[in-house]
C-alpha atoms as a PDB file:
ATOM      1  CA  UNK A   1      19.464  -4.479   9.784  1.00  0.00           C
ATOM      2  CA  UNK A   2      21.351  -6.074   6.916  1.00  0.00           C
ATOM      3  CA  UNK A   3      20.336  -5.166   3.394  1.00  0.00           C
ATOM      4  CA  UNK A   4      20.452  -8.354   1.403  1.00  0.00           C
ATOM      5  CA  UNK A   5      18.207  -7.143  -1.452  1.00  0.00           C
ATOM      6  CA  UNK A   6      18.435  -4.332  -4.031  1.00  0.00           C
ATOM      7  CA  UNK A   7      15.223  -3.238  -5.734  1.00  0.00           C
ATOM      8  CA  UNK A   8      15.371  -0.962  -8.791  1.00  0.00           C
ATOM      9  CA  UNK A   9      12.731   0.966 -10.707  1.00  0.00           C
ATOM     10  CA  UNK A  10      10.102   3.653 -10.723  1.00  0.00           C
ATOM     11  CA  UNK A  11       8.507   5.536  -7.858  1.00  0.00           C
ATOM     12  CA  UNK A  12       5.355   7.335  -8.892  1.00  0.00           C
ATOM     13  CA  UNK A  13       2.349   9.156  -7.488  1.00  0.00           C
ATOM     14  CA  UNK A  14      -0.812   7.067  -7.759  1.00  0.00           C
ATOM     15  CA  UNK A  15      -4.054   9.021  -7.791  1.00  0.00           C
ATOM     16  CA  UNK A  16      -6.641   6.649  -6.330  1.00  0.00           C
ATOM     17  CA  UNK A  17     -10.315   7.463  -7.137  1.00  0.00           C
ATOM     18  CA  UNK A  18     -12.808   8.301  -4.450  1.00  0.00           C
ATOM     19  CA  UNK A  19     -15.452   6.262  -6.344  1.00  0.00           C
ATOM     20  CA  UNK A  20     -15.663   3.241  -8.543  1.00  0.00           C
ATOM     21  CA  UNK A  21     -16.301   3.443 -12.289  1.00  0.00           C
ATOM     22  CA  UNK A  22     -14.494   4.586 -15.467  1.00  0.00           C
ATOM     23  CA  UNK A  23     -11.761   7.188 -15.123  1.00  0.00           C
ATOM     24  CA  UNK A  24     -13.722   9.748 -17.155  1.00  0.00           C
ATOM     25  CA  UNK A  25     -16.426   9.758 -14.513  1.00  0.00           C
ATOM     26  CA  UNK A  26     -14.165  10.169 -11.447  1.00  0.00           C
ATOM     27  CA  UNK A  27     -14.284  13.630  -9.919  1.00  0.00           C
ATOM     28  CA  UNK A  28     -11.847  13.334  -7.004  1.00  0.00           C
ATOM     29  CA  UNK A  29      -8.730  11.354  -6.123  1.00  0.00           C
ATOM     30  CA  UNK A  30      -6.479  10.652  -3.155  1.00  0.00           C
ATOM     31  CA  UNK A  31      -2.729  10.958  -3.584  1.00  0.00           C
ATOM     32  CA  UNK A  32      -0.750   7.782  -2.774  1.00  0.00           C
ATOM     33  CA  UNK A  33       2.865   6.858  -3.226  1.00  0.00           C
ATOM     34  CA  UNK A  34       3.248   4.050  -5.737  1.00  0.00           C
ATOM     35  CA  UNK A  35       5.271   2.447  -8.528  1.00  0.00           C
ATOM     36  CA  UNK A  36       5.667  -1.351  -8.592  1.00  0.00           C
ATOM     37  CA  UNK A  37       9.315  -1.549  -7.520  1.00  0.00           C
ATOM     38  CA  UNK A  38       8.725   1.083  -4.871  1.00  0.00           C
ATOM     39  CA  UNK A  39       5.833  -0.984  -3.532  1.00  0.00           C
ATOM     40  CA  UNK A  40       8.100  -4.035  -3.426  1.00  0.00           C
ATOM     41  CA  UNK A  41      10.843  -2.128  -1.625  1.00  0.00           C
ATOM     42  CA  UNK A  42       8.460  -0.707   0.990  1.00  0.00           C
ATOM     43  CA  UNK A  43       6.739  -4.050   1.274  1.00  0.00           C
ATOM     44  CA  UNK A  44      10.056  -5.682   2.153  1.00  0.00           C
ATOM     45  CA  UNK A  45      10.749  -2.953   4.702  1.00  0.00           C
ATOM     46  CA  UNK A  46       7.378  -3.617   6.352  1.00  0.00           C
ATOM     47  CA  UNK A  47       8.299  -7.298   6.497  1.00  0.00           C
ATOM     48  CA  UNK A  48      11.521  -6.434   8.382  1.00  0.00           C
ATOM     49  CA  UNK A  49      13.711  -6.962   5.257  1.00  0.00           C
ATOM     50  CA  UNK A  50      14.473  -3.370   4.209  1.00  0.00           C
ATOM     51  CA  UNK A  51      16.342  -3.383   0.869  1.00  0.00           C
ATOM     52  CA  UNK A  52      18.433  -0.876  -0.930  1.00  0.00           C
ATOM     53  CA  UNK A  53      16.233   0.929  -3.457  1.00  0.00           C
ATOM     54  CA  UNK A  54      17.452   2.584  -6.661  1.00  0.00           C
ATOM     55  CA  UNK A  55      14.922   5.045  -8.090  1.00  0.00           C
ATOM     56  CA  UNK A  56      14.660   8.576  -9.450  1.00  0.00           C
ATOM     57  CA  UNK A  57      12.081  11.251  -8.731  1.00  0.00           C
ATOM     58  CA  UNK A  58      11.669  14.866  -9.738  1.00  0.00           C
ATOM     59  CA  UNK A  59      12.819  17.959  -7.878  1.00  0.00           C
ATOM     60  CA  UNK A  60       9.218  18.929  -7.194  1.00  0.00           C
ATOM     61  CA  UNK A  61       6.534  18.648  -4.541  1.00  0.00           C
ATOM     62  CA  UNK A  62       5.567  15.119  -5.576  1.00  0.00           C
ATOM     63  CA  UNK A  63       9.208  14.051  -5.473  1.00  0.00           C
ATOM     64  CA  UNK A  64       9.538  15.574  -2.006  1.00  0.00           C
ATOM     65  CA  UNK A  65       6.564  13.536  -0.833  1.00  0.00           C
ATOM     66  CA  UNK A  66       7.951  10.313  -2.302  1.00  0.00           C
ATOM     67  CA  UNK A  67      11.401  10.780  -0.768  1.00  0.00           C
ATOM     68  CA  UNK A  68       9.779  11.420   2.613  1.00  0.00           C
ATOM     69  CA  UNK A  69       7.554   8.347   2.220  1.00  0.00           C
ATOM     70  CA  UNK A  70      10.497   6.108   1.387  1.00  0.00           C
ATOM     71  CA  UNK A  71      12.508   7.447   4.283  1.00  0.00           C
ATOM     72  CA  UNK A  72       9.590   6.977   6.684  1.00  0.00           C
ATOM     73  CA  UNK A  73       9.359   3.377   5.566  1.00  0.00           C
ATOM     74  CA  UNK A  74      12.977   2.849   6.657  1.00  0.00           C
ATOM     75  CA  UNK A  75      14.660   2.835   3.228  1.00  0.00           C
ATOM     76  CA  UNK A  76      18.121   4.291   2.902  1.00  0.00           C
ATOM     77  CA  UNK A  77      18.452   7.208   0.418  1.00  0.00           C
ATOM     78  CA  UNK A  78      21.753   5.916  -1.001  1.00  0.00           C
ATOM     79  CA  UNK A  79      20.284   5.370  -4.464  1.00  0.00           C
ATOM     80  CA  UNK A  80      17.152   7.519  -4.234  1.00  0.00           C
ATOM     81  CA  UNK A  81      18.050  10.100  -6.860  1.00  0.00           C
ATOM     82  CA  UNK A  82      16.556  13.536  -7.557  1.00  0.00           C
ATOM     83  CA  UNK A  83      16.379  14.606 -11.166  1.00  0.00           C
ATOM     84  CA  UNK A  84      17.114  18.369 -11.496  1.00  0.00           C
ATOM     85  CA  UNK A  85      15.042  18.702 -14.707  1.00  0.00           C
ATOM     86  CA  UNK A  86      12.444  15.977 -15.180  1.00  0.00           C
ATOM     87  CA  UNK A  87       9.164  15.817 -13.247  1.00  0.00           C
ATOM     88  CA  UNK A  88       7.945  12.987 -11.024  1.00  0.00           C
ATOM     89  CA  UNK A  89       5.779  10.479 -12.885  1.00  0.00           C
ATOM     90  CA  UNK A  90       2.061  10.217 -12.193  1.00  0.00           C
ATOM     91  CA  UNK A  91      -0.540   7.436 -12.599  1.00  0.00           C
ATOM     92  CA  UNK A  92      -4.302   7.839 -12.357  1.00  0.00           C
ATOM     93  CA  UNK A  93      -6.163   4.716 -11.276  1.00  0.00           C
ATOM     94  CA  UNK A  94      -9.740   3.628 -11.924  1.00  0.00           C
ATOM     95  CA  UNK A  95     -11.456   0.962  -9.828  1.00  0.00           C
ATOM     96  CA  UNK A  96     -14.140  -1.483 -10.881  1.00  0.00           C
ATOM     97  CA  UNK A  97     -16.945  -2.830  -8.734  1.00  0.00           C
ATOM     98  CA  UNK A  98     -14.759  -5.842  -7.738  1.00  0.00           C
ATOM     99  CA  UNK A  99     -11.768  -3.588  -6.879  1.00  0.00           C
ATOM    100  CA  UNK A 100     -10.011  -4.377 -10.171  1.00  0.00           C
ATOM    101  CA  UNK A 101      -8.026  -1.409 -11.481  1.00  0.00           C
ATOM    102  CA  UNK A 102      -6.813   0.260 -14.672  1.00  0.00           C
ATOM    103  CA  UNK A 103      -4.078   2.873 -15.025  1.00  0.00           C
ATOM    104  CA  UNK A 104      -3.560   6.052 -17.008  1.00  0.00           C
ATOM    105  CA  UNK A 105       0.132   7.018 -16.882  1.00  0.00           C
ATOM    106  CA  UNK A 106       1.534  10.549 -17.144  1.00  0.00           C
ATOM    107  CA  UNK A 107       5.282   9.926 -17.293  1.00  0.00           C
ATOM    108  CA  UNK A 108       6.541  11.139 -20.665  1.00  0.00           C
ATOM    109  CA  UNK A 109      10.242  11.851 -20.028  1.00  0.00           C
ATOM    110  CA  UNK A 110       9.563  11.731 -16.294  1.00  0.00           C
ATOM    111  CA  UNK A 111      12.384  11.305 -13.800  1.00  0.00           C
ATOM    112  CA  UNK A 112      12.007   7.519 -13.549  1.00  0.00           C
ATOM    113  CA  UNK A 113      12.634   7.191 -17.298  1.00  0.00           C
ATOM    114  CA  UNK A 114      16.090   8.766 -16.792  1.00  0.00           C
ATOM    115  CA  UNK A 115      17.833   6.143 -14.693  1.00  0.00           C
ATOM    116  CA  UNK A 116      21.471   6.040 -15.813  1.00  0.00           C
ATOM    117  CA  UNK A 117      23.577   2.875 -16.424  1.00  0.00           C
ATOM    118  CA  UNK A 118      26.274   2.178 -13.828  1.00  0.00           C
ATOM    119  CA  UNK A 119      24.670   4.126 -10.988  1.00  0.00           C
ATOM    120  CA  UNK A 120      24.773   1.143  -8.657  1.00  0.00           C
ATOM    121  CA  UNK A 121      28.432   0.290  -8.241  1.00  0.00           C
ATOM    122  CA  UNK A 122      29.939  -3.160  -8.488  1.00  0.00           C
ATOM    123  CA  UNK A 123      30.923  -3.105  -4.790  1.00  0.00           C
ATOM    124  CA  UNK A 124      27.257  -2.836  -3.839  1.00  0.00           C
ATOM    125  CA  UNK A 125      26.241  -5.619  -6.168  1.00  0.00           C
ATOM    126  CA  UNK A 126      28.900  -7.860  -4.735  1.00  0.00           C
ATOM    127  CA  UNK A 127      27.326  -7.434  -1.260  1.00  0.00           C
ATOM    128  CA  UNK A 128      23.653  -8.056  -2.027  1.00  0.00           C
ATOM    129  CA  UNK A 129      22.161 -11.515  -2.476  1.00  0.00           C
ATOM    130  CA  UNK A 130      19.126 -10.533  -4.559  1.00  0.00           C
ATOM    131  CA  UNK A 131      18.302  -7.892  -7.206  1.00  0.00           C
ATOM    132  CA  UNK A 132      14.668  -7.256  -8.272  1.00  0.00           C
ATOM    133  CA  UNK A 133      13.574  -5.232 -11.298  1.00  0.00           C
ATOM    134  CA  UNK A 134      10.266  -4.548 -13.031  1.00  0.00           C
ATOM    135  CA  UNK A 135       9.096  -3.979 -16.583  1.00  0.00           C
ATOM    136  CA  UNK A 136       8.006  -0.336 -16.521  1.00  0.00           C
ATOM    137  CA  UNK A 137      11.516   1.104 -16.733  1.00  0.00           C
ATOM    138  CA  UNK A 138      12.153  -1.023 -19.773  1.00  0.00           C
ATOM    139  CA  UNK A 139       9.710   1.073 -21.832  1.00  0.00           C
ATOM    140  CA  UNK A 140      11.958   4.145 -22.104  1.00  0.00           C
ATOM    141  CA  UNK A 141      15.593   5.067 -22.627  1.00  0.00           C
ATOM    142  CA  UNK A 142      17.961   5.523 -20.863  1.00  0.00           C
ATOM    143  CA  UNK A 143      16.106   3.625 -18.077  1.00  0.00           C
ATOM    144  CA  UNK A 144      15.870   0.525 -20.268  1.00  0.00           C
ATOM    145  CA  UNK A 145      19.626   0.324 -20.797  1.00  0.00           C
ATOM    146  CA  UNK A 146      20.184   1.113 -17.155  1.00  0.00           C
ATOM    147  CA  UNK A 147      17.908  -1.736 -16.043  1.00  0.00           C
ATOM    148  CA  UNK A 148      19.432  -4.241 -18.432  1.00  0.00           C
ATOM    149  CA  UNK A 149      22.921  -3.203 -17.376  1.00  0.00           C
ATOM    150  CA  UNK A 150      21.992  -3.733 -13.735  1.00  0.00           C
ATOM    151  CA  UNK A 151      20.658  -7.241 -14.477  1.00  0.00           C
ATOM    152  CA  UNK A 152      23.795  -8.223 -16.384  1.00  0.00           C
ATOM    153  CA  UNK A 153      26.131  -6.999 -13.638  1.00  0.00           C
ATOM    154  CA  UNK A 154      24.013  -8.548 -10.911  1.00  0.00           C
ATOM    155  CA  UNK A 155      24.264 -11.916 -12.626  1.00  0.00           C
ATOM    156  CA  UNK A 156      28.019 -11.509 -12.942  1.00  0.00           C
ATOM    157  CA  UNK A 157      28.096 -10.851  -9.187  1.00  0.00           C
ATOM    158  CA  UNK A 158      26.148 -14.074  -8.546  1.00  0.00           C
ATOM    159  CA  UNK A 159      23.119 -12.296  -7.135  1.00  0.00           C
ATOM    160  CA  UNK A 160      19.703 -13.864  -7.585  1.00  0.00           C
ATOM    161  CA  UNK A 161      17.808 -11.801 -10.191  1.00  0.00           C
ATOM    162  CA  UNK A 162      14.019 -11.574 -10.050  1.00  0.00           C
ATOM    163  CA  UNK A 163      11.802  -9.900 -12.659  1.00  0.00           C
ATOM    164  CA  UNK A 164       8.155  -8.826 -12.810  1.00  0.00           C
ATOM    165  CA  UNK A 165       7.249  -7.858 -16.391  1.00  0.00           C
ATOM    166  CA  UNK A 166       4.308  -5.759 -15.090  1.00  0.00           C
ATOM    167  CA  UNK A 167       2.909  -5.330 -18.608  1.00  0.00           C
ATOM    168  CA  UNK A 168       1.476  -1.858 -19.214  1.00  0.00           C
ATOM    169  CA  UNK A 169       0.512  -1.699 -22.924  1.00  0.00           C
ATOM    170  CA  UNK A 170      -0.074   2.093 -22.784  1.00  0.00           C
ATOM    171  CA  UNK A 171       3.618   2.608 -22.071  1.00  0.00           C
ATOM    172  CA  UNK A 172       4.622   0.685 -25.191  1.00  0.00           C
ATOM    173  CA  UNK A 173       1.939   2.196 -27.458  1.00  0.00           C
ATOM    174  CA  UNK A 174       3.007   2.164 -31.088  1.00  0.00           C
ATOM    175  CA  UNK A 175       5.904  -0.206 -30.359  1.00  0.00           C
ATOM    176  CA  UNK A 176       4.284  -3.197 -28.656  1.00  0.00           C
ATOM    177  CA  UNK A 177       6.761  -5.541 -30.292  1.00  0.00           C
ATOM    178  CA  UNK A 178       9.492  -3.991 -28.164  1.00  0.00           C
ATOM    179  CA  UNK A 179       7.865  -5.376 -25.012  1.00  0.00           C
ATOM    180  CA  UNK A 180       7.769  -8.824 -26.551  1.00  0.00           C
ATOM    181  CA  UNK A 181      11.401  -8.640 -27.651  1.00  0.00           C
ATOM    182  CA  UNK A 182      12.555  -7.189 -24.358  1.00  0.00           C
ATOM    183  CA  UNK A 183      10.946  -9.934 -22.319  1.00  0.00           C
ATOM    184  CA  UNK A 184      12.331 -12.553 -24.731  1.00  0.00           C
ATOM    185  CA  UNK A 185      15.849 -11.148 -24.266  1.00  0.00           C
ATOM    186  CA  UNK A 186      15.560 -10.822 -20.508  1.00  0.00           C
ATOM    187  CA  UNK A 187      14.130 -14.228 -19.522  1.00  0.00           C
ATOM    188  CA  UNK A 188      17.419 -16.115 -20.033  1.00  0.00           C
ATOM    189  CA  UNK A 189      19.112 -13.645 -17.602  1.00  0.00           C
ATOM    190  CA  UNK A 190      16.457 -14.024 -14.872  1.00  0.00           C
ATOM    191  CA  UNK A 191      16.506 -16.484 -11.973  1.00  0.00           C
ATOM    192  CA  UNK A 192      13.024 -15.848 -10.552  1.00  0.00           C
ATOM    193  CA  UNK A 193      10.066 -14.748 -12.620  1.00  0.00           C
ATOM    194  CA  UNK A 194       6.810 -13.427 -11.126  1.00  0.00           C
ATOM    195  CA  UNK A 195       4.122 -13.141 -13.834  1.00  0.00           C
ATOM    196  CA  UNK A 196       0.376 -13.054 -14.469  1.00  0.00           C
ATOM    197  CA  UNK A 197      -1.616 -14.472 -17.401  1.00  0.00           C
ATOM    198  CA  UNK A 198      -2.195 -10.878 -18.603  1.00  0.00           C
ATOM    199  CA  UNK A 199       1.553 -10.255 -18.616  1.00  0.00           C
ATOM    200  CA  UNK A 200       1.992 -13.377 -20.746  1.00  0.00           C
ATOM    201  CA  UNK A 201      -0.648 -12.225 -23.269  1.00  0.00           C
ATOM    202  CA  UNK A 202       1.179  -8.931 -23.763  1.00  0.00           C
ATOM    203  CA  UNK A 203       4.534 -10.766 -24.033  1.00  0.00           C
ATOM    204  CA  UNK A 204       3.047 -13.037 -26.751  1.00  0.00           C
ATOM    205  CA  UNK A 205       3.538 -16.119 -24.555  1.00  0.00           C
ATOM    206  CA  UNK A 206       0.708 -18.659 -24.554  1.00  0.00           C
ATOM    207  CA  UNK A 207      -1.027 -19.331 -21.256  1.00  0.00           C
ATOM    208  CA  UNK A 208      -1.976 -23.026 -21.111  1.00  0.00           C
ATOM    209  CA  UNK A 209      -2.847 -23.489 -17.437  1.00  0.00           C
ATOM    210  CA  UNK A 210      -0.432 -23.012 -14.593  1.00  0.00           C
ATOM    211  CA  UNK A 211       1.520 -26.311 -14.805  1.00  0.00           C
ATOM    212  CA  UNK A 212       2.189 -26.283 -18.551  1.00  0.00           C
ATOM    213  CA  UNK A 213       2.809 -22.544 -18.626  1.00  0.00           C
ATOM    214  CA  UNK A 214       5.292 -22.675 -15.745  1.00  0.00           C
ATOM    215  CA  UNK A 215       7.141 -25.550 -17.399  1.00  0.00           C
ATOM    216  CA  UNK A 216       7.398 -23.600 -20.663  1.00  0.00           C
ATOM    217  CA  UNK A 217       8.683 -20.538 -18.822  1.00  0.00           C
ATOM    218  CA  UNK A 218      11.297 -22.558 -16.898  1.00  0.00           C
ATOM    219  CA  UNK A 219      12.589 -23.819 -20.241  1.00  0.00           C
ATOM    220  CA  UNK A 220      13.310 -20.209 -21.221  1.00  0.00           C
ATOM    221  CA  UNK A 221      15.795 -19.455 -18.494  1.00  0.00           C
ATOM    222  CA  UNK A 222      14.419 -18.859 -14.953  1.00  0.00           C
ATOM    223  CA  UNK A 223      14.883 -21.619 -12.378  1.00  0.00           C
ATOM    224  CA  UNK A 224      11.800 -20.477 -10.442  1.00  0.00           C
ATOM    225  CA  UNK A 225       8.432 -19.200 -11.671  1.00  0.00           C
ATOM    226  CA  UNK A 226       5.537 -17.687  -9.729  1.00  0.00           C
ATOM    227  CA  UNK A 227       2.200 -17.368 -11.473  1.00  0.00           C
ATOM    228  CA  UNK A 228      -0.395 -15.194  -9.721  1.00  0.00           C
ATOM    229  CA  UNK A 229      -3.973 -15.970 -10.710  1.00  0.00           C
ATOM    230  CA  UNK A 230      -6.081 -13.375  -8.912  1.00  0.00           C
ATOM    231  CA  UNK A 231      -8.826 -14.864  -6.717  1.00  0.00           C
ATOM    232  CA  UNK A 232      -7.898 -18.317  -8.115  1.00  0.00           C
ATOM    233  CA  UNK A 233      -4.709 -18.332  -6.054  1.00  0.00           C
ATOM    234  CA  UNK A 234      -1.178 -18.772  -7.242  1.00  0.00           C
ATOM    235  CA  UNK A 235       1.189 -21.426  -8.553  1.00  0.00           C
ATOM    236  CA  UNK A 236       4.970 -21.818  -8.248  1.00  0.00           C
ATOM    237  CA  UNK A 237       7.460 -24.184  -9.872  1.00  0.00           C
ATOM    238  CA  UNK A 238      11.190 -24.552  -9.682  1.00  0.00           C
ATOM    239  CA  UNK A 239      13.861 -26.690 -11.243  1.00  0.00           C
ATOM    240  CA  UNK A 240      16.517 -28.572  -9.330  1.00  0.00           C
ATOM    241  CA  UNK A 241      18.831 -25.627  -9.989  1.00  0.00           C
ATOM    242  CA  UNK A 242      16.893 -23.436  -7.597  1.00  0.00           C
ATOM    243  CA  UNK A 243      18.689 -22.942  -4.253  1.00  0.00           C
ATOM    244  CA  UNK A 244      15.486 -23.578  -2.234  1.00  0.00           C
ATOM    245  CA  UNK A 245      14.891 -27.092  -3.519  1.00  0.00           C
ATOM    246  CA  UNK A 246      16.938 -30.206  -4.134  1.00  0.00           C
ATOM    247  CA  UNK A 247      14.633 -31.421  -6.941  1.00  0.00           C
ATOM    248  CA  UNK A 248      12.155 -30.060  -9.415  1.00  0.00           C
ATOM    249  CA  UNK A 249       9.059 -29.043  -7.530  1.00  0.00           C
ATOM    250  CA  UNK A 250       5.649 -27.388  -8.143  1.00  0.00           C
ATOM    251  CA  UNK A 251       3.074 -26.166  -5.662  1.00  0.00           C
ATOM    252  CA  UNK A 252      -0.323 -24.440  -5.730  1.00  0.00           C
ATOM    253  CA  UNK A 253      -1.985 -22.187  -3.173  1.00  0.00           C
ATOM    254  CA  UNK A 254      -5.664 -21.422  -3.519  1.00  0.00           C
ATOM    255  CA  UNK A 255      -5.347 -18.038  -1.820  1.00  0.00           C
ATOM    256  CA  UNK A 256      -7.306 -16.467   1.015  1.00  0.00           C
ATOM    257  CA  UNK A 257     -10.870 -15.216   1.226  1.00  0.00           C
ATOM    258  CA  UNK A 258     -11.075 -11.483   1.925  1.00  0.00           C
ATOM    259  CA  UNK A 259     -13.360  -8.579   1.096  1.00  0.00           C
ATOM    260  CA  UNK A 260     -11.194  -6.545  -1.284  1.00  0.00           C
ATOM    261  CA  UNK A 261     -11.235  -2.759  -1.198  1.00  0.00           C
ATOM    262  CA  UNK A 262      -8.499  -2.050  -3.723  1.00  0.00           C
ATOM    263  CA  UNK A 263      -6.303  -4.544  -5.534  1.00  0.00           C
ATOM    264  CA  UNK A 264      -3.718  -1.902  -6.498  1.00  0.00           C
ATOM    265  CA  UNK A 265      -0.312  -3.184  -5.471  1.00  0.00           C
ATOM    266  CA  UNK A 266      -1.414  -6.671  -4.559  1.00  0.00           C
ATOM    267  CA  UNK A 267       1.010  -8.229  -7.067  1.00  0.00           C
ATOM    268  CA  UNK A 268       3.851  -6.115  -5.656  1.00  0.00           C
ATOM    269  CA  UNK A 269       2.908  -7.170  -2.163  1.00  0.00           C
ATOM    270  CA  UNK A 270       3.045 -10.798  -3.355  1.00  0.00           C
ATOM    271  CA  UNK A 271       6.521 -10.187  -4.780  1.00  0.00           C
ATOM    272  CA  UNK A 272       7.748  -8.643  -1.528  1.00  0.00           C
ATOM    273  CA  UNK A 273       6.431 -11.675   0.312  1.00  0.00           C
ATOM    274  CA  UNK A 274       8.188 -14.101  -2.039  1.00  0.00           C
ATOM    275  CA  UNK A 275      11.513 -12.301  -1.842  1.00  0.00           C
ATOM    276  CA  UNK A 276      11.357 -11.886   1.984  1.00  0.00           C
ATOM    277  CA  UNK A 277      10.516 -15.559   2.493  1.00  0.00           C
ATOM    278  CA  UNK A 278      13.092 -16.965   0.085  1.00  0.00           C
ATOM    279  CA  UNK A 279      15.909 -14.732   1.342  1.00  0.00           C
ATOM    280  CA  UNK A 280      15.154 -16.012   4.830  1.00  0.00           C
ATOM    281  CA  UNK A 281      15.472 -19.622   3.700  1.00  0.00           C
ATOM    282  CA  UNK A 282      11.846 -20.690   3.236  1.00  0.00           C
ATOM    283  CA  UNK A 283      11.033 -23.502   0.825  1.00  0.00           C
ATOM    284  CA  UNK A 284       8.847 -22.888  -2.217  1.00  0.00           C
ATOM    285  CA  UNK A 285       5.583 -23.922  -0.603  1.00  0.00           C
ATOM    286  CA  UNK A 286       6.059 -21.699   2.476  1.00  0.00           C
ATOM    287  CA  UNK A 287       7.153 -18.764   0.310  1.00  0.00           C
ATOM    288  CA  UNK A 288       3.997 -19.134  -1.794  1.00  0.00           C
ATOM    289  CA  UNK A 289       1.689 -19.256   1.218  1.00  0.00           C
ATOM    290  CA  UNK A 290       3.400 -16.286   2.880  1.00  0.00           C
ATOM    291  CA  UNK A 291       3.288 -14.221  -0.295  1.00  0.00           C
ATOM    292  CA  UNK A 292      -0.411 -14.957  -0.810  1.00  0.00           C
ATOM    293  CA  UNK A 293      -1.128 -13.741   2.710  1.00  0.00           C
ATOM    294  CA  UNK A 294       0.823 -10.504   2.201  1.00  0.00           C
ATOM    295  CA  UNK A 295      -1.117  -9.855  -1.008  1.00  0.00           C
ATOM    296  CA  UNK A 296      -4.483 -10.711   0.517  1.00  0.00           C
ATOM    297  CA  UNK A 297      -4.024  -8.341   3.458  1.00  0.00           C
ATOM    298  CA  UNK A 298      -2.960  -5.567   1.069  1.00  0.00           C
ATOM    299  CA  UNK A 299      -6.248  -5.700  -0.825  1.00  0.00           C
ATOM    300  CA  UNK A 300      -8.283  -4.933   2.308  1.00  0.00           C
ATOM    301  CA  UNK A 301      -7.187  -1.234   2.400  1.00  0.00           C
ATOM    302  CA  UNK A 302      -7.004   1.482  -0.257  1.00  0.00           C
ATOM    303  CA  UNK A 303      -3.808   2.426  -2.017  1.00  0.00           C
ATOM    304  CA  UNK A 304      -0.804   0.287  -2.825  1.00  0.00           C
ATOM    305  CA  UNK A 305       2.057   1.364  -0.591  1.00  0.00           C
ATOM    306  CA  UNK A 306      -0.174   2.572   2.253  1.00  0.00           C
ATOM    307  CA  UNK A 307      -1.917  -0.831   2.423  1.00  0.00           C
ATOM    308  CA  UNK A 308       1.245  -2.940   2.720  1.00  0.00           C
ATOM    309  CA  UNK A 309       1.139  -5.004   5.923  1.00  0.00           C
ATOM    310  CA  UNK A 310       3.676  -5.589   8.646  1.00  0.00           C
ATOM    311  CA  UNK A 311       5.052  -9.025   9.335  1.00  0.00           C
ATOM    312  CA  UNK A 312       2.987  -9.173  12.520  1.00  0.00           C
ATOM    313  CA  UNK A 313      -0.196  -8.446  10.570  1.00  0.00           C
ATOM    314  CA  UNK A 314       0.603 -11.216   8.100  1.00  0.00           C
ATOM    315  CA  UNK A 315       1.381 -13.739  10.822  1.00  0.00           C
ATOM    316  CA  UNK A 316      -1.877 -12.835  12.627  1.00  0.00           C
ATOM    317  CA  UNK A 317      -3.878 -13.053   9.377  1.00  0.00           C
ATOM    318  CA  UNK A 318      -2.507 -16.537   8.559  1.00  0.00           C
ATOM    319  CA  UNK A 319      -3.274 -17.746  12.048  1.00  0.00           C
ATOM    320  CA  UNK A 320      -6.874 -16.495  11.771  1.00  0.00           C
ATOM    321  CA  UNK A 321      -7.218 -18.214   8.391  1.00  0.00           C
ATOM    322  CA  UNK A 322      -5.919 -21.582   9.534  1.00  0.00           C
END
């Protein structure tokens, strides 16, 4: 299996509650592997597009579990690093009555904050077609510098760079302006942007409906923008510079009707669907529909990584919905 994609970022332990309600009222949790980029990487593997994955976990029991989980998903351990000092990051999740979730992170100086610039060599970047990064590793040094360095060198290698800001205000507490400035600086270096209205609020970017917002974002650097809108569906737009279209194009998908159990990781599943489809040569409309289906199936089971569907499940789901 060729590895045309490199994903970079955190791998964490998500503690998923056994009941709905505020975190203070939850008495028991189930351990699940998580972290947005890790979910994207495993999602791609489940869709028969296993990427290279650059991440860093602790030399502890949680790190052992995460390394085993990534290996079981079919991901190579080439860039799965073990930090000899720092612990594996943790995130506790609370679920609302409609399966919406909130996070409480425990990752102060955790292993994923200690990614080092230059770890992925130029030879590897010359071979991959696509590099995907998220926003969580931008909140701490040296991972911020390492992520920005990777993006810069990926661009120089003519790889398509995609970015999910994945705004987590708690991680930027006391320095919220840094998130705004970092997103501002990164957008001109990004080819594909996947974003939510909540991400835009945290990045101090006005949300003015999908069409106008996508147009404004395209003016800031990316040639393709995906806006996910929860149960309202999703919207995508691209300029003529995008390799999957010959002219500027925009498309909307109203999503699929499912009974959600847990929306954790749905956005990451969507991203995996987008990348898998576009790398395979799909046009924007097909990529959007496929990504929506991947995300919808993911919400019907608990956990993020454990709920990611196979390509066969997605194809079957779309056939049943048509």
